[in-house]
Amino acid sequence: MSFESKEHAVQYWRENVRLLLTLLVIWFVVSFGAGILLVDVLNEIKFFGFKLGFWFAQQGAIYAFIVLIFVYVKKMNTLDRKYNVQED
């Protein structure tokens, strides 16, 4: 992977780190927030016969993580093409 200039490399990594931090915050909010902090409030809601707080703690965080992986791949492929460092 070679960048056209040092400036492009800095911009690429800045966008990459921003994307990573955004996705990690979303994952934290879903897993810790919905699965632990808001569990009592969410347990008032039923989801497929289960309390929603329990569902987020057991299943929802895992599903959210898998979705975030696919979002990361899509966004990184776009970012790679933007800076002309994609794999052929």
C-alpha atoms as a PDB file:
ATOM      1  CA  MET A   1       0.000   0.000   0.000  1.00  0.00           C
ATOM      2  CA  SER A   2       1.558   3.237  -1.096  1.00  0.00           C
ATOM      3  CA  PHE A   3       0.006   6.646  -0.850  1.00  0.00           C
ATOM      4  CA  GLU A   4       0.334   9.409  -3.390  1.00  0.00           C
ATOM      5  CA  SER A   5       1.687  11.766  -0.748  1.00  0.00           C
ATOM      6  CA  LYS A   6       2.409  11.995   2.952  1.00  0.00           C
ATOM      7  CA  GLU A   7      -0.650  14.236   3.306  1.00  0.00           C
ATOM      8  CA  HIS A   8      -2.900  11.525   1.821  1.00  0.00           C
ATOM      9  CA  ALA A   9      -1.469   8.986   4.257  1.00  0.00           C
ATOM     10  CA  VAL A  10      -2.204  11.255   7.220  1.00  0.00           C
ATOM     11  CA  GLN A  11      -5.757  11.939   5.996  1.00  0.00           C
ATOM     12  CA  TYR A  12      -6.354   8.238   5.350  1.00  0.00           C
ATOM     13  CA  TRP A  13      -5.302   7.211   8.859  1.00  0.00           C
ATOM     14  CA  ARG A  14      -7.230  10.072  10.424  1.00  0.00           C
ATOM     15  CA  GLU A  15     -10.417   8.895   8.696  1.00  0.00           C
ATOM     16  CA  ASN A  16      -9.620   5.279   9.541  1.00  0.00           C
ATOM     17  CA  VAL A  17      -9.190   6.009  13.259  1.00  0.00           C
ATOM     18  CA  ARG A  18     -12.340   8.174  13.293  1.00  0.00           C
ATOM     19  CA  LEU A  19     -14.317   5.301  11.765  1.00  0.00           C
ATOM     20  CA  LEU A  20     -12.903   2.819  14.283  1.00  0.00           C
ATOM     21  CA  LEU A  21     -13.713   5.055  17.231  1.00  0.00           C
ATOM     22  CA  THR A  22     -17.244   5.654  15.952  1.00  0.00           C
ATOM     23  CA  LEU A  23     -17.905   1.947  15.561  1.00  0.00           C
ATOM     24  CA  LEU A  24     -16.400   1.168  18.978  1.00  0.00           C
ATOM     25  CA  VAL A  25     -18.632   3.778  20.616  1.00  0.00           C
ATOM     26  CA  ILE A  26     -21.690   2.260  18.927  1.00  0.00           C
ATOM     27  CA  TRP A  27     -20.649  -1.210  20.082  1.00  0.00           C
ATOM     28  CA  PHE A  28     -20.072   0.066  23.632  1.00  0.00           C
ATOM     29  CA  VAL A  29     -23.474   1.768  23.747  1.00  0.00           C
ATOM     30  CA  VAL A  30     -25.244  -1.351  22.482  1.00  0.00           C
ATOM     31  CA  SER A  31     -23.389  -3.872  24.622  1.00  0.00           C
ATOM     32  CA  PHE A  32     -22.777  -1.955  27.856  1.00  0.00           C
ATOM     33  CA  GLY A  33     -25.566   0.587  27.647  1.00  0.00           C
ATOM     34  CA  ALA A  34     -28.421  -1.625  26.486  1.00  0.00           C
ATOM     35  CA  GLY A  35     -27.150  -4.836  28.082  1.00  0.00           C
ATOM     36  CA  ILE A  36     -26.165  -3.477  31.511  1.00  0.00           C
ATOM     37  CA  LEU A  37     -27.083   0.151  32.214  1.00  0.00           C
ATOM     38  CA  LEU A  38     -30.566   0.194  30.698  1.00  0.00           C
ATOM     39  CA  VAL A  39     -31.427  -3.439  31.392  1.00  0.00           C
ATOM     40  CA  ASP A  40     -34.206  -2.643  33.900  1.00  0.00           C
ATOM     41  CA  VAL A  41     -35.917  -0.199  31.551  1.00  0.00           C
ATOM     42  CA  LEU A  42     -35.574  -2.526  28.553  1.00  0.00           C
ATOM     43  CA  ASN A  43     -36.833  -5.527  30.529  1.00  0.00           C
ATOM     44  CA  GLU A  44     -40.273  -3.910  30.522  1.00  0.00           C
ATOM     45  CA  ILE A  45     -40.447  -4.627  26.770  1.00  0.00           C
ATOM     46  CA  LYS A  46     -40.906  -8.158  25.421  1.00  0.00           C
ATOM     47  CA  PHE A  47     -39.025  -9.264  22.284  1.00  0.00           C
ATOM     48  CA  PHE A  48     -39.871 -12.722  20.886  1.00  0.00           C
ATOM     49  CA  GLY A  49     -41.112 -13.678  24.338  1.00  0.00           C
ATOM     50  CA  PHE A  50     -37.938 -12.555  26.118  1.00  0.00           C
ATOM     51  CA  LYS A  51     -37.256  -9.415  28.105  1.00  0.00           C
ATOM     52  CA  LEU A  52     -35.488  -6.946  25.792  1.00  0.00           C
ATOM     53  CA  GLY A  53     -32.703  -6.174  28.285  1.00  0.00           C
ATOM     54  CA  PHE A  54     -31.905  -9.880  28.599  1.00  0.00           C
ATOM     55  CA  TRP A  55     -32.010 -10.248  24.814  1.00  0.00           C
ATOM     56  CA  PHE A  56     -29.525  -7.384  24.310  1.00  0.00           C
ATOM     57  CA  ALA A  57     -27.183  -8.813  26.924  1.00  0.00           C
ATOM     58  CA  GLN A  58     -27.281 -12.316  25.419  1.00  0.00           C
ATOM     59  CA  GLN A  59     -27.871 -11.830  21.686  1.00  0.00           C
ATOM     60  CA  GLY A  60     -28.261  -8.213  20.651  1.00  0.00           C
ATOM     61  CA  ALA A  61     -24.684  -7.148  21.331  1.00  0.00           C
ATOM     62  CA  ILE A  62     -23.382 -10.057  19.271  1.00  0.00           C
ATOM     63  CA  TYR A  63     -25.664  -9.200  16.340  1.00  0.00           C
ATOM     64  CA  ALA A  64     -24.674  -5.545  16.592  1.00  0.00           C
ATOM     65  CA  PHE A  65     -20.994  -6.526  16.529  1.00  0.00           C
ATOM     66  CA  ILE A  66     -21.490  -8.636  13.392  1.00  0.00           C
ATOM     67  CA  VAL A  67     -23.321  -5.779  11.660  1.00  0.00           C
ATOM     68  CA  LEU A  68     -20.512  -3.395  12.646  1.00  0.00           C
ATOM     69  CA  ILE A  69     -17.971  -5.744  11.061  1.00  0.00           C
ATOM     70  CA  PHE A  70     -19.815  -5.569   7.732  1.00  0.00           C
ATOM     71  CA  VAL A  71     -20.156  -1.776   8.040  1.00  0.00           C
ATOM     72  CA  TYR A  72     -16.419  -1.518   8.715  1.00  0.00           C
ATOM     73  CA  VAL A  73     -15.545  -3.617   5.651  1.00  0.00           C
ATOM     74  CA  LYS A  74     -17.821  -1.550   3.409  1.00  0.00           C
ATOM     75  CA  LYS A  75     -16.546   1.789   4.746  1.00  0.00           C
ATOM     76  CA  MET A  76     -12.888   0.721   4.551  1.00  0.00           C
ATOM     77  CA  ASN A  77     -13.270  -0.448   0.947  1.00  0.00           C
ATOM     78  CA  THR A  78     -14.753   2.949   0.127  1.00  0.00           C
ATOM     79  CA  LEU A  79     -11.939   4.712   1.980  1.00  0.00           C
ATOM     80  CA  ASP A  80      -9.308   2.606   0.208  1.00  0.00           C
ATOM     81  CA  ARG A  81     -10.763   3.527  -3.188  1.00  0.00           C
ATOM     82  CA  LYS A  82     -10.915   7.197  -2.184  1.00  0.00           C
ATOM     83  CA  TYR A  83      -7.167   7.252  -1.501  1.00  0.00           C
ATOM     84  CA  ASN A  84      -6.315   4.815  -4.316  1.00  0.00           C
ATOM     85  CA  VAL A  85      -4.835   2.140  -2.027  1.00  0.00           C
ATOM     86  CA  GLN A  86      -7.385  -0.630  -2.685  1.00  0.00           C
ATOM     87  CA  GLU A  87      -6.381  -4.239  -3.199  1.00  0.00           C
ATOM     88  CA  ASP A  88      -6.954  -5.536  -6.696  1.00  0.00           C
END
